[in-house]
Amino acid sequence: MNTSTISAVILAAGKGTRMKSAKAKVLHELFFKPMLHHVLDTVAAAGVEQTAVIIGHQREEVLASLRNYKITPVIQEEQLGTGHAVLCAETACAAAEQVMILCGDTPLIRPETLQAMLCQHQEQGAVLTLMSTELDNPFGYGRIISDASGRVLRIVEQKDADETERAIRAINAGIYLANRDFLFTALRQVGTNNSQGEVYLTDIVGIAVQQGYRVDKFVHNPAIDVLGVNSRVELAQAHAELQMRHNRQLMLAGVTIYTPETVLVAPESTVGQDTVIQAGVQISGRCEIGSDVLLEAGAMLHNCTIGSNAVIGAQSVLHNCIIAEGERVPPLSRELSLAGSNNCHS
């Protein structure tokens, strides 16, 4: 798979009105960082090195959050639709042969899913590939319209779909791979004759079909991996999914977590084999937990080093601490130290 000629375009200019928030949607945090950062990290892990981020609403705040990322910011002055947003990135994608398009509110997408989609797109020689999944209740999502042989014909948005089209369970997940020349040529042909009066990115599917190009569908399940976050309820669900993914990795590596749905461990932290983590434990920052450690219920650790065979008592709160091998910290301990201190427990 060749990723050197691919540019990613991440749509992050919208307001996200369903979040009921003064904060831009893509800046809402889950599992220790803004959802936009999860998308950027996934794109990088998939091997795509050139990334443009479309910003608009609260552009200064969004751009400030990206200071540690190597990206090309692209300003969408007016939010005139997803198609218009991508068109704004034409210059940023000038060196690419293919363009991957994602939304900044899809923090659950996995690198291996993007890699599999890239492989299919390149192997099949399609001009356009779109990510699809199936939902029992597809309300709110664009439906993928196919012919009897399964060939993609077009995408119809919820507000523009008739009763028959709304019954279709195959939905557009909003992730695309397109040949650059076709993409930007097609976008200039898209009109605004729809219920929103916007330039729909999805209209490029129908244009490709009309011009005789191959349009492929990359089907991914489970659906949760590719769906966006549009409300506080969905934010909590996405957070829980990322939390469980990480805890599963820890358990498979030899860590005991009896109630993983209650345990939160930052991905920057490490936990040794045969450590036991009881209910309600939170490990944040960069912690180093040795082997055979017991973290009792409700313990909270931040930027701590815990030696092997240590016991951290229930409901203890430790910040920037170094706990020696075999040491026992009593329950309900409160030990806060300045960063860089050698020890904070006596």
Protein backbone atom coordinates (compact mmCIF):
# COMPACT_ATOMS: atom_id res chain seq x y z
CA MET A 1 0.00 0.00 0.00
CA ASN A 2 1.41 3.36 -1.06
CA THR A 3 0.49 6.26 1.22
CA SER A 4 3.10 8.75 0.02
CA THR A 5 0.77 10.25 -2.59
CA ILE A 6 -2.25 10.57 -0.29
CA SER A 7 -3.44 13.71 1.46
CA ALA A 8 -6.02 13.59 4.21
CA VAL A 9 -8.65 16.30 4.56
CA ILE A 10 -10.35 16.48 7.95
CA LEU A 11 -13.56 18.49 8.21
CA ALA A 12 -13.55 20.45 11.47
CA ALA A 13 -15.25 23.74 10.63
CA GLY A 14 -18.78 23.13 11.86
CA LYS A 15 -20.50 24.33 15.02
CA GLY A 16 -21.99 21.05 16.16
CA THR A 17 -25.29 22.56 17.34
CA ARG A 18 -26.61 19.26 18.74
CA MET A 19 -23.85 19.32 21.37
CA LYS A 20 -25.65 22.29 22.98
CA SER A 21 -22.32 23.92 23.72
CA ALA A 22 -20.43 27.18 23.30
CA LYS A 23 -17.36 25.08 22.47
CA ALA A 24 -16.60 23.83 18.94
CA LYS A 25 -17.70 20.20 18.68
CA VAL A 26 -14.32 18.82 17.62
CA LEU A 27 -12.72 20.24 20.79
CA HIS A 28 -14.92 18.27 23.17
CA GLU A 29 -12.72 15.79 24.99
CA LEU A 30 -13.07 12.06 25.43
CA PHE A 31 -10.52 9.59 26.67
CA PHE A 32 -7.97 12.27 27.60
CA LYS A 33 -7.99 14.46 24.46
CA PRO A 34 -10.23 16.35 22.00
CA MET A 35 -12.05 14.16 19.51
CA LEU A 36 -10.25 15.89 16.63
CA HIS A 37 -6.92 14.72 18.04
CA HIS A 38 -8.11 11.12 18.01
CA VAL A 39 -8.87 11.44 14.30
CA LEU A 40 -5.50 13.03 13.55
CA ASP A 41 -3.65 10.34 15.50
CA THR A 42 -5.51 7.61 13.63
CA VAL A 43 -4.73 9.13 10.23
CA ALA A 44 -1.04 9.36 11.15
CA ALA A 45 -1.04 5.77 12.44
CA ALA A 46 -2.52 4.66 9.11
CA GLY A 47 0.60 6.05 7.39
CA VAL A 48 -0.87 9.21 5.87
CA GLU A 49 1.61 12.03 6.45
CA GLN A 50 0.02 14.97 4.62
CA THR A 51 -3.06 16.32 6.40
CA ALA A 52 -5.18 19.42 5.91
CA VAL A 53 -7.69 20.44 8.58
CA ILE A 54 -10.65 22.57 7.54
CA ILE A 55 -11.42 25.11 10.26
CA GLY A 56 -14.10 27.75 10.51
CA HIS A 57 -16.19 28.02 13.66
CA GLN A 58 -13.94 29.07 16.56
CA ARG A 59 -10.96 28.81 14.24
CA GLU A 60 -8.52 30.37 16.70
CA GLU A 61 -9.35 27.86 19.43
CA VAL A 62 -9.26 24.89 17.07
CA LEU A 63 -5.98 26.02 15.54
CA ALA A 64 -4.44 26.55 19.00
CA SER A 65 -5.31 22.97 19.91
CA LEU A 66 -3.37 21.75 16.86
CA ARG A 67 -0.06 23.43 17.65
CA ASN A 68 1.66 20.08 18.27
CA TYR A 69 0.42 18.55 15.03
CA LYS A 70 2.05 18.82 11.63
CA ILE A 71 -0.99 19.86 9.61
CA THR A 72 -1.99 22.41 6.99
CA PRO A 73 -4.85 24.58 8.29
CA VAL A 74 -7.44 25.61 5.71
CA ILE A 75 -10.01 28.27 6.59
CA GLN A 76 -13.60 27.89 5.42
CA GLU A 77 -14.85 31.46 5.77
CA GLU A 78 -18.51 30.49 5.39
CA GLN A 79 -19.94 27.08 6.25
CA LEU A 80 -21.58 26.34 2.90
CA GLY A 81 -21.59 22.56 3.12
CA THR A 82 -19.20 19.63 3.18
CA GLY A 83 -18.48 19.84 -0.52
CA HIS A 84 -17.52 23.49 -0.23
CA ALA A 85 -15.29 22.65 2.75
CA VAL A 86 -13.32 20.07 0.76
CA LEU A 87 -13.08 22.42 -2.21
CA CYS A 88 -11.35 24.92 0.08
CA ALA A 89 -8.53 22.38 0.49
CA GLU A 90 -7.72 22.05 -3.21
CA THR A 91 -4.45 23.97 -2.98
CA ALA A 92 -3.42 22.11 0.19
CA CYS A 93 -3.82 18.83 -1.72
CA ALA A 94 -1.97 19.98 -4.83
CA ALA A 95 0.78 17.35 -4.50
CA ALA A 96 -1.54 14.42 -3.86
CA GLU A 97 -2.79 11.79 -6.26
CA GLN A 98 -5.52 10.64 -3.89
CA VAL A 99 -7.45 12.41 -1.15
CA MET A 100 -8.86 10.82 1.98
CA ILE A 101 -11.73 12.76 3.52
CA LEU A 102 -12.82 12.31 7.13
CA CYS A 103 -14.88 14.21 9.68
CA GLY A 104 -13.25 15.55 12.82
CA ASP A 105 -16.02 14.06 14.97
CA THR A 106 -15.22 10.37 14.30
CA PRO A 107 -12.84 9.53 17.17
CA LEU A 108 -13.51 5.77 17.04
CA ILE A 109 -12.14 5.14 13.55
CA ARG A 110 -9.22 2.67 13.67
CA PRO A 111 -5.95 2.91 11.69
CA GLU A 112 -6.36 -0.64 10.37
CA THR A 113 -9.80 0.25 9.00
CA LEU A 114 -8.37 3.16 7.03
CA GLN A 115 -5.50 0.98 5.81
CA ALA A 116 -7.92 -1.70 4.60
CA MET A 117 -9.96 0.93 2.78
CA LEU A 118 -6.82 2.33 1.17
CA CYS A 119 -5.80 -1.13 -0.01
CA GLN A 120 -9.18 -1.82 -1.56
CA HIS A 121 -9.27 1.56 -3.29
CA GLN A 122 -5.82 1.13 -4.80
CA GLU A 123 -6.25 -2.54 -5.74
CA GLN A 124 -9.64 -2.04 -7.39
CA GLY A 125 -8.65 1.09 -9.27
CA ALA A 126 -11.80 2.98 -8.31
CA VAL A 127 -11.98 6.71 -8.82
CA LEU A 128 -14.02 6.99 -5.62
CA THR A 129 -14.47 4.71 -2.60
CA LEU A 130 -16.84 5.47 0.24
CA MET A 131 -17.06 3.96 3.71
CA SER A 132 -20.35 2.27 4.51
CA THR A 133 -21.94 0.40 7.37
CA GLU A 134 -25.44 -0.83 8.23
CA LEU A 135 -27.70 0.41 11.01
CA ASP A 136 -30.95 -0.98 12.35
CA ASN A 137 -32.08 2.61 12.79
CA PRO A 138 -30.38 4.70 10.08
CA PHE A 139 -32.29 7.90 10.88
CA GLY A 140 -30.22 11.02 10.22
CA TYR A 141 -27.67 9.38 7.93
CA GLY A 142 -27.31 9.57 4.17
CA ARG A 143 -28.50 6.35 2.49
CA ILE A 144 -26.41 4.58 -0.14
CA ILE A 145 -28.53 3.85 -3.18
CA SER A 146 -27.35 0.82 -5.17
CA ASP A 147 -28.68 -1.12 -8.15
CA ALA A 148 -29.70 -4.79 -8.14
CA SER A 149 -26.08 -5.89 -8.51
CA GLY A 150 -24.93 -3.79 -5.56
CA ARG A 151 -23.29 -1.10 -7.66
CA VAL A 152 -23.30 2.31 -5.96
CA LEU A 153 -25.50 4.82 -7.77
CA ARG A 154 -25.78 7.82 -5.43
CA ILE A 155 -26.22 8.97 -1.84
CA VAL A 156 -29.43 10.54 -0.61
CA GLU A 157 -29.43 12.62 2.56
CA GLN A 158 -32.08 12.00 5.21
CA LYS A 159 -33.90 15.27 4.56
CA ASP A 160 -34.03 14.64 0.82
CA ALA A 161 -34.94 10.92 0.93
CA ASP A 162 -38.38 9.53 0.15
CA GLU A 163 -40.08 6.81 2.20
CA THR A 164 -38.50 3.94 0.26
CA GLU A 165 -35.02 5.43 0.45
CA ARG A 166 -35.33 6.05 4.19
CA ALA A 167 -35.96 2.33 4.72
CA ILE A 168 -32.47 1.50 3.39
CA ARG A 169 -30.10 0.39 6.19
CA ALA A 170 -26.82 0.90 4.29
CA ILE A 171 -25.56 4.34 5.31
CA ASN A 172 -22.78 6.65 4.27
CA ALA A 173 -20.20 6.87 7.07
CA GLY A 174 -18.72 10.11 5.70
CA ILE A 175 -15.23 8.77 4.96
CA TYR A 176 -14.07 8.88 1.34
CA LEU A 177 -11.10 8.14 -0.86
CA ALA A 178 -11.03 9.88 -4.20
CA ASN A 179 -8.61 10.49 -7.03
CA ARG A 180 -7.61 14.12 -6.67
CA ASP A 181 -8.26 15.30 -10.22
CA PHE A 182 -11.74 13.79 -10.29
CA LEU A 183 -12.60 15.05 -6.79
CA PHE A 184 -12.03 18.76 -7.33
CA THR A 185 -13.38 18.74 -10.88
CA ALA A 186 -16.57 17.09 -9.63
CA LEU A 187 -16.94 19.44 -6.68
CA ARG A 188 -17.01 22.42 -9.01
CA GLN A 189 -20.00 20.80 -10.72
CA VAL A 190 -22.03 20.30 -7.54
CA GLY A 191 -24.99 22.62 -7.11
CA THR A 192 -27.06 23.62 -4.10
CA ASN A 193 -30.45 22.27 -5.18
CA ASN A 194 -31.29 20.53 -1.90
CA SER A 195 -33.21 21.18 1.31
CA GLN A 196 -30.19 22.81 2.98
CA GLY A 197 -29.08 24.93 0.04
CA GLU A 198 -25.54 23.64 0.55
CA VAL A 199 -22.81 22.03 -1.54
CA TYR A 200 -23.15 18.36 -0.61
CA LEU A 201 -19.95 16.34 -0.81
CA THR A 202 -22.12 13.27 -1.37
CA ASP A 203 -23.20 14.57 -4.79
CA ILE A 204 -19.82 13.58 -6.23
CA VAL A 205 -21.01 9.95 -6.12
CA GLY A 206 -23.78 10.61 -8.63
CA ILE A 207 -21.41 12.67 -10.79
CA ALA A 208 -18.89 9.83 -10.90
CA VAL A 209 -21.59 7.33 -11.89
CA GLN A 210 -22.94 9.63 -14.61
CA GLN A 211 -19.45 10.00 -16.06
CA GLY A 212 -18.92 6.24 -16.11
CA TYR A 213 -16.33 6.07 -13.34
CA ARG A 214 -16.03 3.18 -10.93
CA VAL A 215 -17.42 3.91 -7.45
CA ASP A 216 -16.70 1.34 -4.76
CA LYS A 217 -18.21 0.81 -1.34
CA PHE A 218 -16.00 -0.24 1.57
CA VAL A 219 -18.25 -1.93 4.11
CA HIS A 220 -17.11 -1.90 7.74
CA ASN A 221 -18.65 -3.41 10.85
CA PRO A 222 -19.13 -2.88 13.73
CA ALA A 223 -20.85 0.38 12.93
CA ILE A 224 -19.68 2.14 16.10
CA ASP A 225 -16.14 2.40 14.70
CA VAL A 226 -17.14 4.74 11.89
CA LEU A 227 -20.01 6.78 13.33
CA GLY A 228 -19.67 10.42 14.33
CA VAL A 229 -20.28 12.09 17.69
CA ASN A 230 -23.16 14.55 17.54
CA SER A 231 -24.42 14.82 21.13
CA ARG A 232 -23.27 14.53 24.73
CA VAL A 233 -24.86 11.08 24.83
CA GLU A 234 -22.77 9.93 21.85
CA LEU A 235 -19.69 11.58 23.40
CA ALA A 236 -20.10 9.43 26.50
CA GLN A 237 -20.63 6.31 24.39
CA ALA A 238 -17.48 7.01 22.37
CA HIS A 239 -15.48 7.66 25.55
CA ALA A 240 -16.63 4.34 27.00
CA GLU A 241 -15.67 2.52 23.80
CA LEU A 242 -12.12 3.95 23.78
CA GLN A 243 -11.77 3.24 27.50
CA MET A 244 -12.78 -0.40 26.99
CA ARG A 245 -10.49 -0.83 23.98
CA HIS A 246 -7.51 0.30 26.03
CA ASN A 247 -8.44 -1.76 29.08
CA ARG A 248 -8.84 -4.81 26.89
CA GLN A 249 -5.28 -4.33 25.62
CA LEU A 250 -4.03 -4.09 29.21
CA MET A 251 -5.86 -7.24 30.25
CA LEU A 252 -4.55 -9.18 27.27
CA ALA A 253 -1.04 -8.05 28.27
CA GLY A 254 -1.40 -9.55 31.75
CA VAL A 255 -3.08 -6.89 33.90
CA THR A 256 -6.09 -7.88 36.04
CA ILE A 257 -9.01 -5.45 35.86
CA TYR A 258 -12.10 -6.85 37.52
CA THR A 259 -14.55 -4.15 36.43
CA PRO A 260 -12.93 -2.54 33.36
CA GLU A 261 -15.94 -0.36 32.63
CA THR A 262 -15.11 1.63 35.81
CA VAL A 263 -11.34 1.91 35.31
CA LEU A 264 -9.66 4.72 33.39
CA VAL A 265 -6.00 4.41 32.34
CA ALA A 266 -4.31 7.04 30.19
CA PRO A 267 -2.67 5.62 27.06
CA GLU A 268 0.61 7.37 28.00
CA SER A 269 0.82 5.32 31.20
CA THR A 270 2.32 1.83 31.53
CA VAL A 271 1.16 -0.99 33.79
CA GLY A 272 3.24 -4.09 34.57
CA GLN A 273 2.12 -7.71 34.44
CA ASP A 274 0.18 -9.24 37.33
CA THR A 275 -0.85 -5.85 38.62
CA VAL A 276 -4.41 -5.84 39.96
CA ILE A 277 -6.61 -2.80 39.38
CA GLN A 278 -9.79 -2.67 41.42
CA ALA A 279 -12.99 -0.79 40.64
CA GLY A 280 -13.01 2.96 40.09
CA VAL A 281 -9.25 3.45 39.71
CA GLN A 282 -8.09 6.38 37.57
CA ILE A 283 -4.53 6.60 36.19
CA SER A 284 -3.77 9.80 34.29
CA GLY A 285 -0.76 11.60 32.86
CA ARG A 286 2.40 9.53 32.48
CA CYS A 287 2.37 6.93 35.22
CA GLU A 288 4.70 3.96 35.44
CA ILE A 289 3.11 1.13 37.39
CA GLY A 290 5.36 -1.84 38.14
CA SER A 291 4.44 -5.52 38.26
CA ASP A 292 2.44 -7.21 41.03
CA VAL A 293 1.09 -3.87 42.22
CA LEU A 294 -2.31 -3.70 43.91
CA LEU A 295 -4.33 -0.57 43.20
CA GLU A 296 -7.29 -0.69 45.53
CA ALA A 297 -10.75 0.65 44.74
CA GLY A 298 -11.01 4.34 43.89
CA ALA A 299 -7.31 5.13 43.86
CA MET A 300 -6.37 8.12 41.68
CA LEU A 301 -2.82 8.46 40.34
CA HIS A 302 -1.37 11.23 38.18
CA ASN A 303 2.22 11.28 36.88
CA CYS A 304 3.32 8.69 39.43
CA THR A 305 5.95 5.96 39.48
CA ILE A 306 4.85 2.93 41.50
CA GLY A 307 7.42 0.25 42.26
CA SER A 308 6.66 -3.46 41.88
CA ASN A 309 4.77 -5.22 44.69
CA ALA A 310 3.53 -1.91 46.10
CA VAL A 311 0.00 -1.47 47.45
CA ILE A 312 -1.94 1.73 46.94
CA GLY A 313 -4.77 1.92 49.44
CA ALA A 314 -8.38 2.53 48.54
CA GLN A 315 -9.46 6.09 47.68
CA SER A 316 -5.87 7.38 47.76
CA VAL A 317 -5.00 10.40 45.62
CA LEU A 318 -1.35 10.63 44.50
CA HIS A 319 0.11 13.29 42.20
CA ASN A 320 3.74 13.33 40.99
CA CYS A 321 4.74 10.67 43.49
CA ILE A 322 7.40 7.98 43.52
CA ILE A 323 6.39 4.97 45.59
CA ALA A 324 9.17 2.51 46.34
CA GLU A 325 9.07 -1.19 45.54
CA GLY A 326 7.04 -3.09 48.12
CA GLU A 327 5.78 0.06 49.87
CA ARG A 328 2.21 0.24 51.20
CA VAL A 329 0.27 3.49 50.94
CA PRO A 330 -2.60 3.58 53.46
CA PRO A 331 -6.21 4.04 52.28
CA LEU A 332 -7.46 7.63 51.93
CA SER A 333 -3.93 9.03 51.55
CA ARG A 334 -3.64 12.46 49.94
CA GLU A 335 -0.17 13.07 48.59
CA LEU A 336 0.40 15.92 46.13
CA SER A 337 3.92 16.93 45.11
CA LEU A 338 5.45 19.42 42.74
CA ALA A 339 6.46 17.87 39.43
CA GLY A 340 9.97 16.53 39.60
CA SER A 341 9.92 15.69 43.31
CA ASN A 342 11.69 12.44 44.17
CA ASN A 343 9.09 11.23 46.63
CA CYS A 344 5.90 12.45 48.21
CA HIS A 345 5.02 9.74 50.66
CA SER A 346 6.32 9.26 54.17
